Amino acid sequence: MNTFPPADYVRVQSAVPGIEVYMPRPPQETQQDVVAFHCPQCDAATAYCAENGGLTCTHCGHYEAPVQPVVGKAAAEFEFTVETMARAAHGWGIERKELSCQRCGVHTTLSTDMLTHTCPFCGSNQVVQVKAAQDTLRPRFLVPLQIGEDDCRRITTAWLQNSWMLPKNLQQLGRVAEFTPIYIPFWTFDAQASAYWRAEVAHTRQKTVWRNGRRTTQTVTEWRWESGNVELFHDDLLVNGSSQVSKTLLRQLRGYDLQALVPYDASYLAGMQAQAYDVDLETAWELGRAVMRQRTKAACQGQATSQRMRNFSMSLDFSEETWRYILLPMYLATYAYGRERFQVMINGQSGSIAGQRPVDWRKVVAVTAVSLLPAILSGLLALYVAATANTAHLAAPLGFIAALALIGALVFIIHTVQTALKMDDV
């Protein structure tokens, strides 16, 4: 007895409501076998090494060269189609454990032979280990880790001593901090934006008029309708696939060079932690399109003959929409100072750093007090001069100097406090 649909057919989206459409089931991608990374010489665990880009035995030092070529921005991209999603591979291609932090709620995965019991995001030991799920999309590409832990300590030590507002003994923490290498999930999106815009744009001109019997010139603003078309290709827009990474710190890190992308291979995760995405493809695409809209709107407004405009409207269409799911390397560290814990994040490719630093508020208060001293002294001198008959004519200049000193001191204080708050913020 024939059944419909046949077993090897799948339902696809129909352009006509009420009509069901089926197509032959796309061939599944070959799923990578679950592998274990053990040294061929001594059978100890091997781990990815940032210094030489291959697998290095943690016991005898045996080295295996990397096998994946660099593909960079030529890495394949995928359309938003049912066929693409049906063929997508899932899981990590290797058995991994999941670390669930009971303090901050972060979920990370790690190699089965790793013995860590510390959350890389908050430093808590309140963690639960379970077998990592294999039902999420598999990353297609990644940027390999390119700096080591010694580099991280050097970068962090310099960063912890580059401001006078920091405590003196802070830089020593950079030398002993424990850095956790981790891969963070990201989505990349491409799209062609085609926009038509229209707005009233301000044009100013000088006009001569008579006022109270005298000829004078005044500025007149005329509003004229303008319009235009913008074709803008958005290339490799990055959207973070993890809701657990601090967006503030992530914005402070300089970008990654996607020319270093290589095809995903489970060996890059040997001995390392990684996060699976919790911001799914559909949600990430909506976030990406919002950024694309803003960039396209800015391009449209840049075509106007003046930046002053009103009643702006824009119609926008996207085409050639493609995506990738990739992993990008990062180092995370937490350190304690006093009763507080602070987080540091380092770009695992470029070495750029972002994080929290405790501020020595005693220094800030002392310096701001000293900055007010010239204004106070000038003001007192102006009062004394004003009370003295022979030098009263000097009171006004001294008062003006005192006012300028006060304004300068206040600007310095505001800038100093803002900087200190940013350093102490997440």
Protein backbone atom coordinates (compact mmCIF):
# COMPACT_ATOMS: atom_id res chain seq x y z
CA MET A 1 0.00 0.00 0.00
CA ASN A 2 1.44 3.38 -1.04
CA THR A 3 1.59 6.10 1.58
CA PHE A 4 1.83 9.82 1.02
CA PRO A 5 4.18 11.43 1.29
CA PRO A 6 6.80 8.78 0.49
CA ALA A 7 9.30 8.06 3.24
CA ASP A 8 12.15 9.82 1.41
CA TYR A 9 10.24 13.11 0.92
CA VAL A 10 10.03 16.10 3.27
CA ARG A 11 7.53 18.94 3.44
CA VAL A 12 8.73 22.39 2.36
CA GLN A 13 7.21 25.85 2.56
CA SER A 14 4.40 26.46 0.07
CA ALA A 15 3.79 29.79 -1.66
CA VAL A 16 0.05 29.02 -1.90
CA PRO A 17 -1.95 28.84 1.35
CA GLY A 18 -3.68 25.50 1.82
CA ILE A 19 -1.41 23.64 -0.63
CA GLU A 20 1.16 21.23 0.76
CA VAL A 21 4.44 20.84 -1.15
CA TYR A 22 6.98 18.05 -0.73
CA MET A 23 10.49 17.49 -2.11
CA PRO A 24 12.98 14.63 -2.03
CA ARG A 25 14.82 14.56 1.27
CA PRO A 26 18.24 16.25 0.87
CA PRO A 27 21.23 14.00 1.46
CA GLN A 28 22.53 14.31 4.99
CA GLU A 29 26.02 15.60 5.56
CA THR A 30 28.42 12.96 6.73
CA GLN A 31 28.58 13.27 10.49
CA GLN A 32 32.11 13.25 11.87
CA ASP A 33 32.74 10.24 14.06
CA VAL A 34 33.17 10.88 17.75
CA VAL A 35 36.90 10.80 18.38
CA ALA A 36 39.19 10.92 21.37
CA PHE A 37 42.50 12.75 21.37
CA HIS A 38 45.26 10.60 22.80
CA CYS A 39 48.98 10.68 22.18
CA PRO A 40 50.19 7.92 19.80
CA GLN A 41 53.41 7.61 21.85
CA CYS A 42 52.25 7.48 25.47
CA ASP A 43 48.43 7.47 25.21
CA ALA A 44 48.11 10.59 27.41
CA ALA A 45 45.64 13.33 26.56
CA THR A 46 46.57 15.82 23.84
CA ALA A 47 45.45 19.44 23.70
CA TYR A 48 45.40 22.20 21.09
CA CYS A 49 48.49 24.43 21.35
CA ALA A 50 48.22 28.11 20.40
CA GLU A 51 51.99 28.48 19.87
CA ASN A 52 52.28 25.97 17.01
CA GLY A 53 48.66 25.44 15.99
CA GLY A 54 48.57 21.67 16.45
CA LEU A 55 47.96 19.00 19.07
CA THR A 56 50.59 18.62 21.78
CA CYS A 57 50.74 15.83 24.32
CA THR A 58 50.34 17.09 27.86
CA HIS A 59 52.68 14.34 29.14
CA CYS A 60 55.53 13.64 26.69
CA GLY A 61 55.25 16.71 24.45
CA HIS A 62 54.59 14.83 21.18
CA TYR A 63 53.37 17.25 18.50
CA GLU A 64 50.91 16.69 15.66
CA ALA A 65 50.68 19.38 12.99
CA PRO A 66 47.29 20.91 12.11
CA VAL A 67 45.49 19.44 9.13
CA GLN A 68 42.97 22.14 8.22
CA PRO A 69 43.93 24.79 5.63
CA VAL A 70 43.16 28.48 6.14
CA VAL A 71 40.18 29.49 3.99
CA GLY A 72 39.55 33.00 5.36
CA LYS A 73 36.63 34.98 3.95
CA ALA A 74 36.26 32.38 1.20
CA ALA A 75 34.65 30.12 3.81
CA ALA A 76 31.38 28.80 2.44
CA GLU A 77 28.19 30.65 3.35
CA PHE A 78 24.71 29.18 3.50
CA GLU A 79 21.31 30.40 2.40
CA PHE A 80 18.20 30.53 4.58
CA THR A 81 16.58 27.47 3.00
CA VAL A 82 14.93 24.32 4.29
CA GLU A 83 17.47 22.24 2.37
CA THR A 84 20.40 23.99 4.05
CA MET A 85 18.99 23.43 7.52
CA ALA A 86 18.08 19.81 6.77
CA ARG A 87 21.65 19.06 5.70
CA ALA A 88 23.35 20.87 8.57
CA ALA A 89 25.51 18.74 10.81
CA HIS A 90 24.85 18.75 14.53
CA GLY A 91 26.89 18.27 17.67
CA TRP A 92 30.58 18.81 18.31
CA GLY A 93 31.92 15.74 16.50
CA ILE A 94 33.46 14.64 19.79
CA GLU A 95 32.07 13.65 23.16
CA ARG A 96 32.24 16.58 25.58
CA LYS A 97 31.09 17.43 29.11
CA GLU A 98 28.93 20.40 29.96
CA LEU A 99 29.77 22.64 32.90
CA SER A 100 26.71 24.36 34.39
CA CYS A 101 27.50 27.17 36.83
CA GLN A 102 25.06 27.43 39.72
CA ARG A 103 26.17 31.01 40.47
CA CYS A 104 25.99 32.88 37.14
CA GLY A 105 24.02 30.33 35.09
CA VAL A 106 26.59 29.99 32.27
CA HIS A 107 26.86 26.70 30.35
CA THR A 108 30.18 25.74 28.76
CA THR A 109 31.49 22.51 27.28
CA LEU A 110 34.88 20.94 27.85
CA SER A 111 36.87 17.86 26.90
CA THR A 112 35.97 14.71 28.79
CA ASP A 113 39.52 14.45 30.17
CA MET A 114 39.55 17.97 31.63
CA LEU A 115 39.25 18.03 35.42
CA THR A 116 38.34 21.70 35.93
CA HIS A 117 35.54 22.53 38.34
CA THR A 118 35.67 26.31 38.01
CA CYS A 119 33.39 28.54 35.94
CA PRO A 120 35.52 30.61 33.51
CA PHE A 121 33.07 33.52 33.64
CA CYS A 122 32.76 34.16 37.38
CA GLY A 123 35.37 31.91 38.99
CA SER A 124 32.79 30.04 41.03
CA ASN A 125 33.30 26.41 42.06
CA GLN A 126 29.54 25.86 42.34
CA VAL A 127 29.28 23.87 39.11
CA VAL A 128 27.52 20.74 37.92
CA GLN A 129 28.94 18.50 35.17
CA VAL A 130 26.72 16.59 32.77
CA LYS A 131 27.16 15.08 29.31
CA ALA A 132 27.04 17.81 26.66
CA ALA A 133 24.06 17.77 24.30
CA GLN A 134 24.71 17.06 20.61
CA ASP A 135 21.50 18.52 19.18
CA THR A 136 22.68 22.04 18.28
CA LEU A 137 24.15 23.00 14.91
CA ARG A 138 27.79 22.17 14.47
CA PRO A 139 30.13 25.13 13.85
CA ARG A 140 31.26 25.32 10.23
CA PHE A 141 34.42 27.37 10.71
CA LEU A 142 36.56 28.88 13.44
CA VAL A 143 39.50 31.20 14.00
CA PRO A 144 42.20 29.18 15.79
CA LEU A 145 43.61 30.40 19.08
CA GLN A 146 46.82 32.31 18.32
CA ILE A 147 48.18 33.59 21.66
CA GLY A 148 49.21 31.63 24.75
CA GLU A 149 48.69 32.07 28.48
CA ASP A 150 52.11 33.71 28.93
CA ASP A 151 51.06 36.37 26.43
CA CYS A 152 47.85 36.89 28.39
CA ARG A 153 49.75 37.47 31.63
CA ARG A 154 52.08 39.97 29.96
CA ILE A 155 49.16 41.83 28.36
CA THR A 156 47.14 41.86 31.59
CA THR A 157 50.08 43.00 33.74
CA ALA A 158 50.67 46.00 31.44
CA TRP A 159 46.93 46.77 31.37
CA LEU A 160 46.71 46.70 35.18
CA GLN A 161 49.33 49.41 35.56
CA ASN A 162 48.50 51.86 32.76
CA SER A 163 46.40 54.27 34.84
CA TRP A 164 47.25 56.35 37.88
CA MET A 165 43.79 55.63 39.31
CA LEU A 166 44.59 51.94 39.91
CA PRO A 167 45.94 50.52 43.19
CA LYS A 168 49.74 50.17 43.22
CA ASN A 169 49.81 46.44 43.96
CA LEU A 170 47.29 45.51 41.28
CA GLN A 171 49.72 44.55 38.50
CA GLN A 172 51.04 41.57 40.46
CA LEU A 173 47.63 39.91 40.05
CA GLY A 174 48.15 39.82 36.29
CA ARG A 175 51.17 37.54 36.76
CA VAL A 176 49.27 34.92 38.78
CA ALA A 177 45.80 35.10 37.18
CA GLU A 178 44.49 31.85 35.70
CA PHE A 179 43.36 32.28 32.09
CA THR A 180 40.84 29.91 30.51
CA PRO A 181 40.93 29.58 26.71
CA ILE A 182 37.42 29.27 25.34
CA TYR A 183 35.67 29.40 21.98
CA ILE A 184 32.63 31.70 21.84
CA PRO A 185 29.85 31.15 19.24
CA PHE A 186 29.16 33.81 16.61
CA TRP A 187 26.96 34.12 13.55
CA THR A 188 28.11 35.98 10.44
CA PHE A 189 25.60 37.43 7.99
CA ASP A 190 25.80 38.79 4.45
CA ALA A 191 22.97 40.63 2.71
CA GLN A 192 22.42 43.04 -0.15
CA ALA A 193 20.34 46.03 1.04
CA SER A 194 18.35 48.00 -1.54
CA ALA A 195 16.77 51.15 -0.13
CA TYR A 196 14.74 54.10 -1.42
CA TRP A 197 14.53 57.15 0.83
CA ARG A 198 12.69 60.46 0.89
CA ALA A 199 12.90 63.40 3.32
CA GLU A 200 12.54 67.12 3.70
CA VAL A 201 16.04 68.58 3.81
CA ALA A 202 16.97 71.97 5.28
CA HIS A 203 18.64 74.55 3.01
CA THR A 204 19.74 77.89 4.42
CA ARG A 205 20.32 81.16 2.62
CA GLN A 206 20.96 84.76 3.58
CA LYS A 207 18.14 87.24 3.06
CA THR A 208 18.32 91.03 3.28
CA VAL A 209 15.41 92.69 5.08
CA TRP A 210 14.56 96.17 6.39
CA ARG A 211 13.96 96.39 10.13
CA ASN A 212 13.32 99.66 11.99
CA GLY A 213 14.43 101.59 8.95
CA ARG A 214 17.73 99.77 8.71
CA ARG A 215 18.84 97.08 6.29
CA THR A 216 19.94 93.85 7.95
CA THR A 217 20.75 90.26 6.96
CA GLN A 218 19.04 87.22 8.39
CA THR A 219 19.33 83.47 7.83
CA VAL A 220 16.30 81.80 6.25
CA THR A 221 15.72 78.04 6.23
CA GLU A 222 13.89 76.44 3.33
CA TRP A 223 12.73 72.83 3.42
CA ARG A 224 12.97 70.95 0.13
CA TRP A 225 12.03 67.37 -0.65
CA GLU A 226 14.93 65.13 -1.65
CA SER A 227 15.12 61.42 -2.41
CA GLY A 228 17.57 58.79 -3.52
CA ASN A 229 18.49 55.12 -3.78
CA VAL A 230 21.15 53.19 -1.87
CA GLU A 231 22.65 49.82 -2.72
CA LEU A 232 24.73 48.59 0.21
CA PHE A 233 26.27 45.15 0.65
CA HIS A 234 26.70 44.08 4.27
CA ASP A 235 29.63 41.68 4.47
CA ASP A 236 30.33 39.37 7.42
CA LEU A 237 28.29 41.19 10.04
CA LEU A 238 29.12 39.49 13.36
CA VAL A 239 26.37 38.71 15.86
CA ASN A 240 27.29 37.15 19.21
CA GLY A 241 25.68 33.74 19.66
CA SER A 242 26.10 33.73 23.45
CA SER A 243 23.86 35.69 25.79
CA GLN A 244 26.28 34.97 28.66
CA VAL A 245 29.20 37.10 27.43
CA SER A 246 29.26 40.68 28.70
CA LYS A 247 28.19 42.89 25.80
CA THR A 248 29.99 45.85 27.38
CA LEU A 249 33.32 44.02 27.46
CA LEU A 250 32.76 42.50 24.03
CA ARG A 251 32.29 45.97 22.51
CA GLN A 252 35.62 47.03 24.00
CA LEU A 253 37.50 44.22 22.27
CA ARG A 254 38.78 45.07 18.82
CA GLY A 255 37.40 42.89 16.04
CA TYR A 256 38.55 39.53 14.75
CA ASP A 257 40.21 39.02 11.38
CA LEU A 258 38.04 36.51 9.54
CA GLN A 259 40.76 36.00 6.94
CA ALA A 260 42.11 33.43 9.43
CA LEU A 261 39.00 31.19 9.32
CA VAL A 262 39.61 27.46 8.95
CA PRO A 263 37.06 24.63 8.54
CA TYR A 264 35.84 23.35 11.88
CA ASP A 265 37.59 20.29 13.23
CA ALA A 266 37.07 18.79 16.68
CA SER A 267 40.84 18.76 17.26
CA TYR A 268 40.80 22.53 17.80
CA LEU A 269 38.65 21.95 20.90
CA ALA A 270 40.96 19.33 22.43
CA GLY A 271 41.77 20.41 25.98
CA MET A 272 39.74 23.61 25.62
CA GLN A 273 36.36 24.93 26.68
CA ALA A 274 33.68 26.09 24.26
CA GLN A 275 30.16 27.44 24.35
CA ALA A 276 27.26 26.32 22.19
CA TYR A 277 25.01 29.11 20.96
CA ASP A 278 21.95 30.04 23.00
CA VAL A 279 21.01 32.85 20.60
CA ASP A 280 19.54 30.82 17.73
CA LEU A 281 19.87 31.58 14.02
CA GLU A 282 16.48 33.26 13.65
CA THR A 283 17.00 35.54 16.67
CA ALA A 284 20.54 36.39 15.59
CA TRP A 285 19.34 37.22 12.08
CA GLU A 286 16.75 39.66 13.44
CA LEU A 287 19.48 41.34 15.51
CA GLY A 288 21.73 41.45 12.45
CA ARG A 289 19.06 42.94 10.24
CA ALA A 290 18.42 45.67 12.81
CA VAL A 291 22.10 46.66 12.57
CA MET A 292 21.94 46.51 8.77
CA ARG A 293 18.88 48.79 8.78
CA GLN A 294 20.70 51.38 10.87
CA ARG A 295 23.77 51.28 8.62
CA THR A 296 21.62 51.54 5.51
CA LYS A 297 19.65 54.42 7.02
CA ALA A 298 22.92 56.24 7.77
CA ALA A 299 24.01 55.71 4.15
CA CYS A 300 20.70 57.13 2.93
CA GLN A 301 20.97 60.18 5.16
CA GLY A 302 24.55 60.64 3.98
CA GLN A 303 23.23 61.21 0.43
CA ALA A 304 21.20 64.26 1.50
CA THR A 305 22.69 67.67 0.78
CA SER A 306 22.26 68.64 4.45
CA GLN A 307 22.29 66.70 7.71
CA ARG A 308 19.24 68.61 8.93
CA MET A 309 16.13 66.81 7.76
CA ARG A 310 12.61 65.91 8.78
CA ASN A 311 9.86 63.50 7.73
CA PHE A 312 12.48 60.91 6.75
CA SER A 313 11.15 57.65 5.34
CA MET A 314 12.91 54.62 3.89
CA SER A 315 11.75 51.47 2.13
CA LEU A 316 14.26 48.63 2.41
CA ASP A 317 14.58 45.19 0.84
CA PHE A 318 17.16 42.50 1.62
CA SER A 319 18.41 39.93 -0.88
CA GLU A 320 21.29 37.44 -1.20
CA GLU A 321 20.98 36.66 2.52
CA THR A 322 23.56 34.13 3.75
CA TRP A 323 24.96 33.03 7.10
CA ARG A 324 27.74 31.09 8.82
CA TYR A 325 28.03 29.63 12.30
CA ILE A 326 31.60 30.07 13.58
CA LEU A 327 33.66 29.98 16.77
CA LEU A 328 36.04 32.76 17.84
CA PRO A 329 38.80 32.35 20.48
CA MET A 330 38.93 34.22 23.75
CA TYR A 331 40.65 34.04 27.13
CA LEU A 332 38.67 34.62 30.31
CA ALA A 333 40.05 35.28 33.78
CA THR A 334 38.61 36.40 37.09
CA TYR A 335 40.69 37.84 39.91
CA ALA A 336 39.87 38.90 43.43
CA TYR A 337 40.80 42.28 44.88
CA GLY A 338 39.56 43.03 48.35
CA ARG A 339 36.10 41.55 48.68
CA GLU A 340 35.22 41.86 45.00
CA ARG A 341 35.85 39.76 41.91
CA PHE A 342 36.70 41.27 38.54
CA GLN A 343 36.56 39.80 35.03
CA VAL A 344 39.12 40.13 32.23
CA MET A 345 38.52 39.18 28.60
CA ILE A 346 41.30 38.86 25.98
CA ASN A 347 40.89 38.43 22.23
CA GLY A 348 42.51 35.06 21.53
CA GLN A 349 43.59 36.18 18.07
CA SER A 350 44.79 39.78 18.42
CA GLY A 351 45.50 40.01 22.16
CA SER A 352 43.31 43.08 22.72
CA ILE A 353 41.98 43.25 26.29
CA ALA A 354 38.87 44.46 28.09
CA GLY A 355 37.67 44.07 31.62
CA GLN A 356 37.05 45.50 35.05
CA ARG A 357 39.69 47.19 37.18
CA PRO A 358 39.24 48.35 40.78
CA VAL A 359 39.73 52.08 41.26
CA ASP A 360 41.69 53.55 44.18
CA TRP A 361 39.13 56.19 45.11
CA ARG A 362 41.49 57.71 47.67
CA LYS A 363 43.78 58.72 44.81
CA VAL A 364 40.83 60.07 42.82
CA VAL A 365 39.59 62.18 45.75
CA ALA A 366 43.11 63.48 46.48
CA VAL A 367 43.80 64.48 42.88
CA THR A 368 40.41 66.15 42.42
CA ALA A 369 40.94 68.09 45.66
CA VAL A 370 44.33 69.29 44.42
CA SER A 371 42.80 70.30 41.07
CA LEU A 372 40.42 72.65 42.92
CA LEU A 373 43.27 74.34 44.83
CA PRO A 374 44.20 76.95 42.14
CA ALA A 375 40.58 78.05 41.82
CA ILE A 376 40.21 78.37 45.61
CA LEU A 377 43.45 80.32 45.98
CA SER A 378 42.57 82.65 43.09
CA GLY A 379 39.13 83.28 44.55
CA LEU A 380 40.53 84.09 48.01
CA LEU A 381 43.10 86.40 46.45
CA ALA A 382 40.40 88.18 44.48
CA LEU A 383 38.39 88.74 47.67
CA TYR A 384 41.45 90.09 49.46
CA VAL A 385 42.29 92.43 46.58
CA ALA A 386 38.71 93.66 46.40
CA ALA A 387 38.88 94.58 50.08
CA THR A 388 42.08 96.57 49.58
CA ALA A 389 41.53 100.06 48.21
CA ASN A 390 44.93 100.40 46.48
CA THR A 391 44.54 97.17 44.45
CA ALA A 392 40.77 96.99 43.96
CA HIS A 393 41.21 97.34 40.19
CA LEU A 394 42.88 93.88 40.15
CA ALA A 395 39.89 92.09 41.68
CA ALA A 396 38.01 91.60 38.40
CA PRO A 397 40.94 89.98 36.50
CA LEU A 398 41.72 87.73 39.45
CA GLY A 399 38.05 86.76 39.75
CA PHE A 400 38.02 85.90 36.04
CA ILE A 401 41.13 83.74 36.49
CA ALA A 402 39.51 82.02 39.49
CA ALA A 403 36.39 81.27 37.42
CA LEU A 404 38.46 79.78 34.58
CA ALA A 405 40.42 77.67 37.07
CA LEU A 406 37.19 76.45 38.64
CA ILE A 407 35.67 75.52 35.27
CA GLY A 408 38.86 73.68 34.29
CA ALA A 409 38.94 71.82 37.59
CA LEU A 410 35.29 70.78 37.26
CA VAL A 411 35.85 69.50 33.71
CA PHE A 412 38.87 67.52 34.92
CA ILE A 413 36.91 66.10 37.87
CA ILE A 414 33.96 65.05 35.69
CA HIS A 415 36.27 63.38 33.16
CA THR A 416 38.22 61.63 35.93
CA VAL A 417 35.11 60.28 37.66
CA GLN A 418 33.59 59.11 34.36
CA THR A 419 36.82 57.28 33.50
CA ALA A 420 36.97 55.69 36.94
CA LEU A 421 33.37 54.50 36.73
CA LYS A 422 33.97 52.95 33.32
CA MET A 423 37.02 51.11 34.63
CA ASP A 424 34.98 49.72 37.51
CA ASP A 425 31.95 48.84 35.38
CA VAL A 426 31.04 45.64 33.53
